[in-house]
Amino acid sequence: MGRPALVIFDCDGVLVDSEVIAVRVLVANLARHGLALTEADAHAMFVGGTMAGNAEVARAAGADLGQDWVTGVYAEIYAALRDGTPVTKGVPEVLDLLDAARVPYCVASNGSEEKMQITLGQTSLWHRFQGAVFSAHTLGVAKPDPRLFLTAAGDVPPETCVVIEDSPTGVRAAIAARMRCLAYAPEGDGVALAGLGAEVFTSMTDLPEMLHLTRA
């Protein structure tokens, strides 16, 4: 595959370094509900899923969660994200190259549009994705269902799209959608993602070459 016709970015953990913040809030919250986890445990259990799905996983692990838990934990996470969510290093430069090459891009996330407004809105990224934001909360379909990515692609053939992901859930959705998947694993833990069919990279500086954006 050469230069893609469309690049679909995940949001949390790819465009912005928000997952570490959300995981920290989840760990503290679940400890108050009787479930003690390390941040590594929580990352493995929850990252890439929907919060409703995370609630069921937490209950199965022993957490005593009320019916309004999802609403409450979202409020805690959003408050923490508003305090500052850094852009992933190298992302603005990748977007500049996509713009220069006239390759369109969008963001497709299991998170809500409100959450993306908070995280991407702290920088110029939100404006760069105007009209190209796809949320599972809005569409009613979440990864690993491939329909989130297929909806984001619209009329663009799936085999000409590239998805940038960082979670097993997202990789599964991309592969099911028949899209090439590049998995961002900055901590060098991409073995499982590669096993699901993704091409792993560890730095955003690697992405331009993988997207064939460095050719004249």
N, C-alpha and C. Protein backbone atom coordinates (compact mmCIF):
# COMPACT_ATOMS: atom_id res chain seq x y z
N MET A 1 0.85 -1.21 0.00
CA MET A 1 0.00 0.00 0.00
C MET A 1 0.87 1.24 0.00
N GLY A 2 0.56 2.19 -0.88
CA GLY A 2 1.30 3.44 -0.91
C GLY A 2 0.68 4.46 0.01
N ARG A 3 0.69 5.71 -0.42
CA ARG A 3 0.12 6.78 0.38
C ARG A 3 -1.38 6.56 0.56
N PRO A 4 -1.90 6.66 1.78
CA PRO A 4 -3.32 6.37 2.02
C PRO A 4 -4.23 7.43 1.45
N ALA A 5 -5.48 7.03 1.22
CA ALA A 5 -6.51 7.99 0.79
C ALA A 5 -7.12 8.70 1.98
N LEU A 6 -7.02 8.10 3.16
CA LEU A 6 -7.57 8.67 4.39
C LEU A 6 -6.82 8.08 5.58
N VAL A 7 -6.49 8.93 6.55
CA VAL A 7 -5.89 8.47 7.80
C VAL A 7 -6.89 8.70 8.93
N ILE A 8 -7.19 7.63 9.67
CA ILE A 8 -8.14 7.70 10.78
C ILE A 8 -7.36 7.54 12.08
N PHE A 9 -7.37 8.57 12.91
CA PHE A 9 -6.66 8.55 14.18
C PHE A 9 -7.61 8.18 15.31
N ASP A 10 -7.14 7.32 16.21
CA ASP A 10 -7.76 7.23 17.52
C ASP A 10 -7.39 8.51 18.27
N CYS A 11 -8.11 8.81 19.33
CA CYS A 11 -7.83 10.04 20.08
C CYS A 11 -6.93 9.79 21.30
N ASP A 12 -7.49 9.13 22.32
CA ASP A 12 -6.78 8.94 23.59
C ASP A 12 -5.59 8.00 23.41
N GLY A 13 -4.41 8.49 23.79
CA GLY A 13 -3.21 7.68 23.68
C GLY A 13 -2.53 7.78 22.34
N VAL A 14 -3.20 8.40 21.36
CA VAL A 14 -2.61 8.58 20.03
C VAL A 14 -2.41 10.07 19.76
N LEU A 15 -3.49 10.83 19.67
CA LEU A 15 -3.37 12.26 19.45
C LEU A 15 -2.96 13.00 20.71
N VAL A 16 -3.50 12.55 21.83
CA VAL A 16 -3.21 13.20 23.12
C VAL A 16 -2.84 12.14 24.15
N ASP A 17 -2.02 12.54 25.10
CA ASP A 17 -1.56 11.62 26.14
C ASP A 17 -2.53 11.69 27.32
N SER A 18 -3.75 11.23 27.07
CA SER A 18 -4.82 11.35 28.05
C SER A 18 -5.06 10.07 28.85
N GLU A 19 -4.60 8.96 28.33
CA GLU A 19 -4.95 7.69 28.98
C GLU A 19 -4.34 7.56 30.37
N VAL A 20 -3.12 8.07 30.54
CA VAL A 20 -2.49 7.97 31.86
C VAL A 20 -3.30 8.74 32.89
N ILE A 21 -3.89 9.87 32.47
CA ILE A 21 -4.72 10.68 33.37
C ILE A 21 -6.00 9.93 33.71
N ALA A 22 -6.66 9.39 32.68
CA ALA A 22 -7.91 8.68 32.91
C ALA A 22 -7.71 7.44 33.77
N VAL A 23 -6.62 6.71 33.52
CA VAL A 23 -6.34 5.50 34.30
C VAL A 23 -6.09 5.85 35.77
N ARG A 24 -5.39 6.94 36.01
CA ARG A 24 -5.12 7.36 37.39
C ARG A 24 -6.43 7.67 38.12
N VAL A 25 -7.35 8.34 37.44
CA VAL A 25 -8.65 8.64 38.03
C VAL A 25 -9.43 7.35 38.29
N LEU A 26 -9.41 6.44 37.33
CA LEU A 26 -10.12 5.17 37.49
C LEU A 26 -9.60 4.39 38.69
N VAL A 27 -8.29 4.33 38.85
CA VAL A 27 -7.71 3.59 39.97
C VAL A 27 -8.18 4.17 41.30
N ALA A 28 -8.13 5.49 41.43
CA ALA A 28 -8.55 6.13 42.67
C ALA A 28 -10.05 5.94 42.90
N ASN A 29 -10.83 6.05 41.85
CA ASN A 29 -12.28 5.89 41.97
C ASN A 29 -12.65 4.48 42.37
N LEU A 30 -12.07 3.49 41.70
CA LEU A 30 -12.43 2.10 41.99
C LEU A 30 -11.96 1.66 43.37
N ALA A 31 -10.88 2.26 43.85
CA ALA A 31 -10.43 1.96 45.22
C ALA A 31 -11.50 2.35 46.23
N ARG A 32 -12.22 3.44 45.95
CA ARG A 32 -13.30 3.87 46.83
C ARG A 32 -14.50 2.95 46.73
N HIS A 33 -14.53 2.13 45.68
CA HIS A 33 -15.64 1.20 45.47
C HIS A 33 -15.22 -0.25 45.70
N GLY A 34 -14.13 -0.42 46.44
CA GLY A 34 -13.76 -1.76 46.89
C GLY A 34 -12.91 -2.57 45.94
N LEU A 35 -12.35 -1.94 44.90
CA LEU A 35 -11.50 -2.67 43.96
C LEU A 35 -10.13 -2.01 43.89
N ALA A 36 -9.12 -2.66 44.45
CA ALA A 36 -7.76 -2.13 44.46
C ALA A 36 -7.01 -2.62 43.23
N LEU A 37 -6.54 -1.68 42.43
CA LEU A 37 -5.79 -2.01 41.21
C LEU A 37 -4.56 -1.14 41.10
N THR A 38 -3.52 -1.66 40.46
CA THR A 38 -2.40 -0.82 40.08
C THR A 38 -2.77 -0.13 38.76
N GLU A 39 -2.01 0.91 38.41
CA GLU A 39 -2.28 1.57 37.13
C GLU A 39 -2.03 0.63 35.97
N ALA A 40 -1.05 -0.25 36.10
CA ALA A 40 -0.79 -1.23 35.04
C ALA A 40 -1.98 -2.18 34.89
N ASP A 41 -2.55 -2.62 36.01
CA ASP A 41 -3.73 -3.48 35.97
C ASP A 41 -4.89 -2.77 35.26
N ALA A 42 -5.12 -1.52 35.65
CA ALA A 42 -6.24 -0.77 35.09
C ALA A 42 -6.05 -0.52 33.60
N HIS A 43 -4.82 -0.24 33.21
CA HIS A 43 -4.54 -0.02 31.79
C HIS A 43 -4.89 -1.27 30.98
N ALA A 44 -4.46 -2.42 31.48
CA ALA A 44 -4.72 -3.68 30.77
C ALA A 44 -6.20 -4.01 30.74
N MET A 45 -6.93 -3.67 31.79
CA MET A 45 -8.34 -4.03 31.90
C MET A 45 -9.26 -3.10 31.13
N PHE A 46 -8.92 -1.81 31.07
CA PHE A 46 -9.90 -0.83 30.64
C PHE A 46 -9.58 -0.04 29.38
N VAL A 47 -8.30 0.17 29.07
CA VAL A 47 -7.95 1.07 27.97
C VAL A 47 -8.46 0.51 26.65
N GLY A 48 -9.14 1.37 25.91
CA GLY A 48 -9.69 0.98 24.61
C GLY A 48 -11.14 0.60 24.65
N GLY A 49 -11.69 0.40 25.85
CA GLY A 49 -13.08 0.00 25.98
C GLY A 49 -14.00 1.18 26.20
N THR A 50 -15.29 0.93 26.20
CA THR A 50 -16.25 1.95 26.56
C THR A 50 -16.38 1.98 28.08
N MET A 51 -16.85 3.09 28.63
CA MET A 51 -16.96 3.18 30.08
C MET A 51 -18.06 2.26 30.59
N ALA A 52 -19.12 2.09 29.81
CA ALA A 52 -20.16 1.14 30.21
C ALA A 52 -19.60 -0.27 30.27
N GLY A 53 -18.77 -0.61 29.30
CA GLY A 53 -18.13 -1.92 29.31
C GLY A 53 -17.15 -2.05 30.46
N ASN A 54 -16.43 -0.95 30.74
CA ASN A 54 -15.49 -0.96 31.87
C ASN A 54 -16.22 -1.18 33.18
N ALA A 55 -17.42 -0.64 33.31
CA ALA A 55 -18.19 -0.83 34.53
C ALA A 55 -18.50 -2.30 34.76
N GLU A 56 -18.85 -2.99 33.69
CA GLU A 56 -19.16 -4.42 33.82
C GLU A 56 -17.91 -5.21 34.18
N VAL A 57 -16.78 -4.86 33.58
CA VAL A 57 -15.52 -5.53 33.91
C VAL A 57 -15.17 -5.30 35.38
N ALA A 58 -15.33 -4.06 35.85
CA ALA A 58 -15.00 -3.73 37.24
C ALA A 58 -15.93 -4.45 38.21
N ARG A 59 -17.21 -4.52 37.88
CA ARG A 59 -18.15 -5.23 38.75
C ARG A 59 -17.78 -6.71 38.83
N ALA A 60 -17.41 -7.30 37.69
CA ALA A 60 -17.03 -8.71 37.68
C ALA A 60 -15.78 -8.96 38.51
N ALA A 61 -14.93 -7.93 38.63
CA ALA A 61 -13.71 -8.05 39.42
C ALA A 61 -13.93 -7.74 40.90
N GLY A 62 -15.16 -7.33 41.27
CA GLY A 62 -15.47 -7.11 42.68
C GLY A 62 -15.81 -5.70 43.08
N ALA A 63 -15.86 -4.76 42.13
CA ALA A 63 -16.20 -3.37 42.48
C ALA A 63 -17.70 -3.25 42.75
N ASP A 64 -18.04 -2.49 43.77
CA ASP A 64 -19.43 -2.24 44.13
C ASP A 64 -19.85 -0.91 43.52
N LEU A 65 -20.37 -0.96 42.30
CA LEU A 65 -20.68 0.25 41.54
C LEU A 65 -22.18 0.45 41.46
N GLY A 66 -22.61 1.69 41.70
CA GLY A 66 -24.01 2.03 41.55
C GLY A 66 -24.38 2.23 40.10
N GLN A 67 -25.66 2.39 39.84
CA GLN A 67 -26.13 2.53 38.46
C GLN A 67 -25.67 3.84 37.82
N ASP A 68 -25.33 4.84 38.64
CA ASP A 68 -24.90 6.12 38.10
C ASP A 68 -23.38 6.26 38.07
N TRP A 69 -22.69 5.13 38.20
CA TRP A 69 -21.22 5.19 38.28
C TRP A 69 -20.60 5.78 37.03
N VAL A 70 -21.09 5.41 35.85
CA VAL A 70 -20.50 5.90 34.61
C VAL A 70 -20.55 7.42 34.55
N THR A 71 -21.69 8.00 34.89
CA THR A 71 -21.82 9.46 34.87
C THR A 71 -20.85 10.11 35.84
N GLY A 72 -20.73 9.53 37.04
CA GLY A 72 -19.84 10.10 38.05
C GLY A 72 -18.38 10.01 37.69
N VAL A 73 -17.95 8.86 37.15
CA VAL A 73 -16.53 8.71 36.83
C VAL A 73 -16.16 9.57 35.63
N TYR A 74 -17.09 9.73 34.70
CA TYR A 74 -16.83 10.63 33.58
C TYR A 74 -16.59 12.05 34.09
N ALA A 75 -17.39 12.50 35.04
CA ALA A 75 -17.21 13.84 35.58
C ALA A 75 -15.83 14.00 36.21
N GLU A 76 -15.37 12.97 36.92
CA GLU A 76 -14.04 13.02 37.53
C GLU A 76 -12.94 13.05 36.47
N ILE A 77 -13.09 12.22 35.45
CA ILE A 77 -12.08 12.15 34.40
C ILE A 77 -12.03 13.47 33.62
N TYR A 78 -13.19 14.01 33.28
CA TYR A 78 -13.22 15.25 32.52
C TYR A 78 -12.57 16.39 33.31
N ALA A 79 -12.83 16.42 34.61
CA ALA A 79 -12.23 17.47 35.45
C ALA A 79 -10.71 17.35 35.44
N ALA A 80 -10.20 16.12 35.53
CA ALA A 80 -8.76 15.91 35.51
C ALA A 80 -8.17 16.28 34.15
N LEU A 81 -8.85 15.95 33.08
CA LEU A 81 -8.36 16.27 31.74
C LEU A 81 -8.33 17.78 31.51
N ARG A 82 -9.30 18.50 32.07
CA ARG A 82 -9.33 19.96 31.92
C ARG A 82 -8.12 20.62 32.57
N ASP A 83 -7.54 19.95 33.55
CA ASP A 83 -6.36 20.51 34.22
C ASP A 83 -5.13 20.50 33.33
N GLY A 84 -5.20 19.78 32.22
CA GLY A 84 -4.07 19.76 31.29
C GLY A 84 -3.87 18.40 30.67
N THR A 85 -4.01 18.33 29.35
CA THR A 85 -3.80 17.09 28.62
C THR A 85 -2.81 17.36 27.49
N PRO A 86 -1.61 16.79 27.57
CA PRO A 86 -0.60 17.10 26.56
C PRO A 86 -0.86 16.43 25.22
N VAL A 87 -0.54 17.14 24.15
CA VAL A 87 -0.56 16.55 22.81
C VAL A 87 0.61 15.57 22.70
N THR A 88 0.38 14.46 22.04
CA THR A 88 1.45 13.50 21.83
C THR A 88 2.54 14.13 20.97
N LYS A 89 3.76 14.02 21.43
CA LYS A 89 4.89 14.63 20.73
C LYS A 89 4.97 14.12 19.30
N GLY A 90 5.06 15.05 18.37
CA GLY A 90 5.20 14.70 16.97
C GLY A 90 3.91 14.72 16.17
N VAL A 91 2.76 14.74 16.86
CA VAL A 91 1.48 14.71 16.15
C VAL A 91 1.27 15.95 15.28
N PRO A 92 1.50 17.17 15.77
CA PRO A 92 1.27 18.34 14.89
C PRO A 92 2.10 18.27 13.61
N GLU A 93 3.32 17.77 13.72
CA GLU A 93 4.18 17.67 12.54
C GLU A 93 3.64 16.65 11.54
N VAL A 94 3.09 15.53 12.05
CA VAL A 94 2.47 14.55 11.16
C VAL A 94 1.27 15.16 10.44
N LEU A 95 0.45 15.91 11.16
CA LEU A 95 -0.71 16.55 10.55
C LEU A 95 -0.28 17.58 9.51
N ASP A 96 0.81 18.30 9.77
CA ASP A 96 1.33 19.26 8.79
C ASP A 96 1.71 18.55 7.49
N LEU A 97 2.35 17.39 7.61
CA LEU A 97 2.74 16.63 6.42
C LEU A 97 1.52 16.10 5.67
N LEU A 98 0.51 15.65 6.41
CA LEU A 98 -0.72 15.19 5.76
C LEU A 98 -1.39 16.33 5.01
N ASP A 99 -1.42 17.51 5.62
CA ASP A 99 -1.99 18.67 4.96
C ASP A 99 -1.22 19.00 3.69
N ALA A 100 0.11 18.98 3.79
CA ALA A 100 0.94 19.31 2.63
C ALA A 100 0.73 18.31 1.49
N ALA A 101 0.50 17.04 1.85
CA ALA A 101 0.29 16.01 0.85
C ALA A 101 -1.17 15.91 0.42
N ARG A 102 -2.03 16.73 1.03
CA ARG A 102 -3.46 16.75 0.73
C ARG A 102 -4.10 15.38 1.00
N VAL A 103 -3.65 14.75 2.07
CA VAL A 103 -4.25 13.50 2.53
C VAL A 103 -5.22 13.83 3.65
N PRO A 104 -6.50 13.56 3.49
CA PRO A 104 -7.46 13.89 4.55
C PRO A 104 -7.29 12.98 5.76
N TYR A 105 -7.74 13.49 6.90
CA TYR A 105 -7.66 12.71 8.13
C TYR A 105 -8.85 13.04 9.02
N CYS A 106 -9.12 12.12 9.94
CA CYS A 106 -10.22 12.30 10.88
C CYS A 106 -9.86 11.60 12.18
N VAL A 107 -10.73 11.73 13.18
CA VAL A 107 -10.54 11.06 14.46
C VAL A 107 -11.78 10.24 14.75
N ALA A 108 -11.57 9.00 15.17
CA ALA A 108 -12.68 8.10 15.52
C ALA A 108 -12.37 7.46 16.86
N SER A 109 -13.21 7.74 17.85
CA SER A 109 -12.91 7.36 19.23
C SER A 109 -14.10 6.71 19.91
N ASN A 110 -13.82 5.79 20.83
CA ASN A 110 -14.87 5.27 21.70
C ASN A 110 -15.30 6.29 22.74
N GLY A 111 -14.52 7.35 22.91
CA GLY A 111 -14.86 8.40 23.85
C GLY A 111 -15.93 9.33 23.30
N SER A 112 -16.46 10.16 24.16
CA SER A 112 -17.51 11.09 23.76
C SER A 112 -16.93 12.29 23.03
N GLU A 113 -17.79 12.97 22.28
CA GLU A 113 -17.34 14.19 21.61
C GLU A 113 -16.97 15.25 22.65
N GLU A 114 -17.69 15.28 23.77
CA GLU A 114 -17.35 16.22 24.84
C GLU A 114 -15.93 16.00 25.33
N LYS A 115 -15.57 14.74 25.50
CA LYS A 115 -14.21 14.42 25.96
C LYS A 115 -13.18 14.88 24.94
N MET A 116 -13.46 14.65 23.67
CA MET A 116 -12.51 15.08 22.63
C MET A 116 -12.40 16.60 22.57
N GLN A 117 -13.52 17.30 22.81
CA GLN A 117 -13.46 18.76 22.86
C GLN A 117 -12.57 19.24 23.99
N ILE A 118 -12.61 18.52 25.12
CA ILE A 118 -11.78 18.89 26.26
C ILE A 118 -10.31 18.66 25.95
N THR A 119 -9.98 17.47 25.44
CA THR A 119 -8.57 17.12 25.24
C THR A 119 -7.97 17.80 24.02
N LEU A 120 -8.65 17.71 22.88
CA LEU A 120 -8.12 18.32 21.66
C LEU A 120 -8.30 19.84 21.68
N GLY A 121 -9.31 20.31 22.42
CA GLY A 121 -9.59 21.74 22.46
C GLY A 121 -8.58 22.56 23.23
N GLN A 122 -7.71 21.92 23.97
CA GLN A 122 -6.68 22.66 24.72
C GLN A 122 -5.56 23.15 23.80
N THR A 123 -5.55 22.66 22.57
CA THR A 123 -4.55 23.05 21.58
C THR A 123 -5.27 23.36 20.28
N SER A 124 -4.51 23.47 19.20
CA SER A 124 -5.11 23.73 17.89
C SER A 124 -5.66 22.46 17.26
N LEU A 125 -5.51 21.31 17.90
CA LEU A 125 -5.92 20.06 17.27
C LEU A 125 -7.42 20.00 17.01
N TRP A 126 -8.22 20.50 17.93
CA TRP A 126 -9.68 20.43 17.75
C TRP A 126 -10.08 21.12 16.44
N HIS A 127 -9.49 22.26 16.16
CA HIS A 127 -9.83 23.00 14.94
C HIS A 127 -9.38 22.24 13.69
N ARG A 128 -8.30 21.49 13.82
CA ARG A 128 -7.79 20.75 12.66
C ARG A 128 -8.69 19.56 12.31
N PHE A 129 -9.49 19.11 13.28
CA PHE A 129 -10.38 17.98 13.04
C PHE A 129 -11.85 18.40 12.90
N GLN A 130 -12.09 19.69 12.73
CA GLN A 130 -13.47 20.16 12.59
C GLN A 130 -14.15 19.46 11.41
N GLY A 131 -15.35 18.93 11.67
CA GLY A 131 -16.09 18.23 10.63
C GLY A 131 -15.60 16.83 10.38
N ALA A 132 -14.65 16.37 11.16
CA ALA A 132 -14.06 15.04 10.94
C ALA A 132 -13.87 14.32 12.27
N VAL A 133 -14.90 14.44 13.14
CA VAL A 133 -14.87 13.83 14.47
C VAL A 133 -15.97 12.79 14.56
N PHE A 134 -15.59 11.56 14.89
CA PHE A 134 -16.54 10.45 14.97
C PHE A 134 -16.45 9.82 16.36
N SER A 135 -17.54 9.88 17.09
CA SER A 135 -17.60 9.38 18.46
C SER A 135 -18.54 8.19 18.55
N ALA A 136 -18.11 7.16 19.26
CA ALA A 136 -18.98 6.00 19.49
C ALA A 136 -20.23 6.41 20.26
N HIS A 137 -20.12 7.41 21.13
CA HIS A 137 -21.27 7.87 21.90
C HIS A 137 -22.34 8.44 20.98
N THR A 138 -21.90 9.15 19.95
CA THR A 138 -22.82 9.78 19.02
C THR A 138 -23.40 8.78 18.03
N LEU A 139 -22.54 7.89 17.53
CA LEU A 139 -22.96 6.96 16.49
C LEU A 139 -23.65 5.72 17.04
N GLY A 140 -23.44 5.43 18.32
CA GLY A 140 -24.08 4.27 18.92
C GLY A 140 -23.41 2.96 18.56
N VAL A 141 -22.19 2.99 18.10
CA VAL A 141 -21.44 1.78 17.78
C VAL A 141 -19.99 2.02 18.17
N ALA A 142 -19.40 1.06 18.88
CA ALA A 142 -18.07 1.26 19.45
C ALA A 142 -17.11 0.15 19.00
N LYS A 143 -15.83 0.49 18.99
CA LYS A 143 -14.80 -0.52 18.75
C LYS A 143 -14.92 -1.59 19.85
N PRO A 144 -14.74 -2.85 19.52
CA PRO A 144 -14.11 -3.42 18.31
C PRO A 144 -15.03 -3.61 17.12
N ASP A 145 -16.27 -3.13 17.18
CA ASP A 145 -17.13 -3.18 16.00
C ASP A 145 -16.49 -2.32 14.91
N PRO A 146 -16.30 -2.84 13.72
CA PRO A 146 -15.64 -2.07 12.66
C PRO A 146 -16.47 -0.92 12.11
N ARG A 147 -17.76 -0.86 12.45
CA ARG A 147 -18.62 0.14 11.85
C ARG A 147 -18.24 1.57 12.21
N LEU A 148 -17.57 1.77 13.34
CA LEU A 148 -17.12 3.12 13.68
C LEU A 148 -16.12 3.61 12.64
N PHE A 149 -15.16 2.77 12.29
CA PHE A 149 -14.17 3.15 11.28
C PHE A 149 -14.78 3.21 9.89
N LEU A 150 -15.69 2.31 9.57
CA LEU A 150 -16.33 2.32 8.26
C LEU A 150 -17.19 3.57 8.08
N THR A 151 -17.84 4.00 9.16
CA THR A 151 -18.61 5.24 9.11
C THR A 151 -17.69 6.43 8.90
N ALA A 152 -16.55 6.43 9.60
CA ALA A 152 -15.58 7.52 9.45
C ALA A 152 -15.03 7.58 8.02
N ALA A 153 -14.88 6.43 7.40
CA ALA A 153 -14.33 6.37 6.04
C ALA A 153 -15.33 6.87 5.01
N GLY A 154 -16.61 6.70 5.27
CA GLY A 154 -17.61 7.14 4.31
C GLY A 154 -17.48 6.39 2.99
N ASP A 155 -17.28 7.13 1.90
CA ASP A 155 -17.17 6.53 0.57
C ASP A 155 -15.75 6.10 0.22
N VAL A 156 -14.81 6.33 1.11
CA VAL A 156 -13.42 5.95 0.83
C VAL A 156 -13.28 4.43 1.01
N PRO A 157 -12.76 3.72 0.02
CA PRO A 157 -12.62 2.26 0.15
C PRO A 157 -11.76 1.89 1.37
N PRO A 158 -12.21 0.95 2.18
CA PRO A 158 -11.48 0.60 3.40
C PRO A 158 -10.02 0.22 3.15
N GLU A 159 -9.75 -0.46 2.05
CA GLU A 159 -8.39 -0.93 1.80
C GLU A 159 -7.43 0.21 1.47
N THR A 160 -7.96 1.42 1.27
CA THR A 160 -7.10 2.58 1.02
C THR A 160 -6.93 3.45 2.25
N CYS A 161 -7.56 3.05 3.36
CA CYS A 161 -7.48 3.80 4.62
C CYS A 161 -6.40 3.24 5.53
N VAL A 162 -5.85 4.09 6.36
CA VAL A 162 -4.92 3.68 7.42
C VAL A 162 -5.46 4.16 8.75
N VAL A 163 -5.47 3.27 9.72
CA VAL A 163 -5.92 3.59 11.08
C VAL A 163 -4.71 3.66 12.00
N ILE A 164 -4.65 4.69 12.83
CA ILE A 164 -3.60 4.82 13.84
C ILE A 164 -4.23 4.53 15.19
N GLU A 165 -3.79 3.47 15.83
CA GLU A 165 -4.40 3.00 17.07
C GLU A 165 -3.34 2.72 18.13
N ASP A 166 -3.81 2.44 19.34
CA ASP A 166 -2.88 2.07 20.41
C ASP A 166 -3.44 0.99 21.33
N SER A 167 -4.64 0.47 21.02
CA SER A 167 -5.25 -0.51 21.91
C SER A 167 -5.67 -1.75 21.13
N PRO A 168 -5.73 -2.91 21.80
CA PRO A 168 -6.22 -4.12 21.13
C PRO A 168 -7.62 -3.95 20.57
N THR A 169 -8.49 -3.24 21.29
CA THR A 169 -9.86 -3.01 20.82
C THR A 169 -9.86 -2.28 19.49
N GLY A 170 -9.05 -1.25 19.40
CA GLY A 170 -8.98 -0.47 18.17
C GLY A 170 -8.36 -1.24 17.03
N VAL A 171 -7.32 -2.01 17.32
CA VAL A 171 -6.68 -2.81 16.27
C VAL A 171 -7.67 -3.82 15.72
N ARG A 172 -8.40 -4.48 16.59
CA ARG A 172 -9.40 -5.46 16.14
C ARG A 172 -10.43 -4.80 15.22
N ALA A 173 -10.86 -3.60 15.58
CA ALA A 173 -11.84 -2.89 14.76
C ALA A 173 -11.27 -2.56 13.39
N ALA A 174 -10.03 -2.10 13.36
CA ALA A 174 -9.41 -1.75 12.08
C ALA A 174 -9.23 -2.96 11.18
N ILE A 175 -8.75 -4.06 11.74
CA ILE A 175 -8.55 -5.28 10.96
C ILE A 175 -9.88 -5.80 10.44
N ALA A 176 -10.92 -5.75 11.30
CA ALA A 176 -12.24 -6.20 10.88
C ALA A 176 -12.81 -5.32 9.78
N ALA A 177 -12.41 -4.05 9.76
CA ALA A 177 -12.85 -3.13 8.72
C ALA A 177 -12.02 -3.26 7.44
N ARG A 178 -11.02 -4.13 7.45
CA ARG A 178 -10.12 -4.36 6.31
C ARG A 178 -9.28 -3.13 6.02
N MET A 179 -8.87 -2.46 7.09
CA MET A 179 -8.02 -1.29 6.97
C MET A 179 -6.63 -1.60 7.51
N ARG A 180 -5.62 -1.03 6.89
CA ARG A 180 -4.26 -1.15 7.41
C ARG A 180 -4.19 -0.45 8.77
N CYS A 181 -3.60 -1.11 9.75
CA CYS A 181 -3.54 -0.54 11.10
C CYS A 181 -2.10 -0.36 11.55
N LEU A 182 -1.75 0.85 11.94
CA LEU A 182 -0.46 1.16 12.53
C LEU A 182 -0.68 1.40 14.02
N ALA A 183 0.01 0.64 14.84
CA ALA A 183 -0.22 0.67 16.28
C ALA A 183 0.90 1.40 16.99
N TYR A 184 0.54 2.46 17.69
CA TYR A 184 1.49 3.27 18.44
C TYR A 184 1.74 2.65 19.80
N ALA A 185 2.98 2.24 20.04
CA ALA A 185 3.35 1.59 21.31
C ALA A 185 4.64 2.21 21.82
N PRO A 186 4.56 3.43 22.40
CA PRO A 186 5.77 4.15 22.80
C PRO A 186 6.54 3.50 23.92
N GLU A 187 5.89 2.65 24.70
CA GLU A 187 6.58 1.99 25.80
C GLU A 187 7.19 0.66 25.38
N GLY A 188 7.14 0.37 24.09
CA GLY A 188 7.74 -0.85 23.59
C GLY A 188 6.97 -2.11 23.91
N ASP A 189 5.65 -1.97 24.13
CA ASP A 189 4.82 -3.12 24.51
C ASP A 189 3.86 -3.50 23.40
N GLY A 190 4.35 -3.47 22.16
CA GLY A 190 3.47 -3.68 21.02
C GLY A 190 3.36 -5.11 20.52
N VAL A 191 3.90 -6.08 21.26
CA VAL A 191 3.88 -7.46 20.79
C VAL A 191 2.44 -7.95 20.60
N ALA A 192 1.59 -7.68 21.57
CA ALA A 192 0.20 -8.13 21.48
C ALA A 192 -0.52 -7.45 20.32
N LEU A 193 -0.23 -6.17 20.09
CA LEU A 193 -0.86 -5.44 18.99
C LEU A 193 -0.41 -6.00 17.65
N ALA A 194 0.86 -6.32 17.55
CA ALA A 194 1.37 -6.93 16.32
C ALA A 194 0.72 -8.28 16.09
N GLY A 195 0.49 -9.02 17.17
CA GLY A 195 -0.14 -10.32 17.05
C GLY A 195 -1.56 -10.25 16.54
N LEU A 196 -2.19 -9.08 16.69
CA LEU A 196 -3.56 -8.89 16.20
C LEU A 196 -3.59 -8.42 14.74
N GLY A 197 -2.42 -8.14 14.20
CA GLY A 197 -2.36 -7.77 12.79
C GLY A 197 -1.91 -6.35 12.52
N ALA A 198 -1.50 -5.61 13.54
CA ALA A 198 -1.06 -4.24 13.35
C ALA A 198 0.43 -4.17 13.06
N GLU A 199 0.83 -3.08 12.42
CA GLU A 199 2.24 -2.75 12.25
C GLU A 199 2.60 -1.78 13.38
N VAL A 200 3.54 -2.16 14.21
CA VAL A 200 3.83 -1.40 15.43
C VAL A 200 4.92 -0.35 15.17
N PHE A 201 4.73 0.83 15.75
CA PHE A 201 5.78 1.86 15.75
C PHE A 201 5.83 2.48 17.13
N THR A 202 6.97 3.03 17.48
CA THR A 202 7.18 3.50 18.86
C THR A 202 7.34 5.02 18.98
N SER A 203 7.43 5.72 17.88
CA SER A 203 7.57 7.18 17.90
C SER A 203 6.82 7.78 16.74
N MET A 204 6.19 8.93 16.96
CA MET A 204 5.48 9.61 15.88
C MET A 204 6.42 10.04 14.77
N THR A 205 7.70 10.12 15.04
CA THR A 205 8.65 10.47 13.99
C THR A 205 8.78 9.34 12.96
N ASP A 206 8.34 8.13 13.33
CA ASP A 206 8.36 7.01 12.38
C ASP A 206 7.18 7.03 11.43
N LEU A 207 6.13 7.76 11.80
CA LEU A 207 4.87 7.68 11.07
C LEU A 207 4.93 8.23 9.64
N PRO A 208 5.60 9.37 9.39
CA PRO A 208 5.62 9.88 8.01
C PRO A 208 6.14 8.86 6.98
N GLU A 209 7.19 8.17 7.31
CA GLU A 209 7.73 7.18 6.37
C GLU A 209 6.73 6.03 6.18
N MET A 210 6.09 5.59 7.26
CA MET A 210 5.13 4.51 7.15
C MET A 210 3.91 4.89 6.33
N LEU A 211 3.59 6.21 6.31
CA LEU A 211 2.47 6.71 5.53
C LEU A 211 2.89 7.20 4.15
N HIS A 212 4.18 7.02 3.83
CA HIS A 212 4.72 7.44 2.53
C HIS A 212 4.55 8.95 2.32
N LEU A 213 4.80 9.69 3.38
CA LEU A 213 4.68 11.15 3.30
C LEU A 213 6.02 11.83 3.07
N THR A 214 7.10 11.07 3.05
CA THR A 214 8.43 11.67 2.93
C THR A 214 8.93 11.67 1.50
N ARG A 215 8.15 11.09 0.59
CA ARG A 215 8.56 11.09 -0.81
C ARG A 215 8.36 12.46 -1.40
N ALA A 216 9.17 12.76 -2.39
CA ALA A 216 9.02 14.05 -3.11
C ALA A 216 7.77 13.98 -4.00
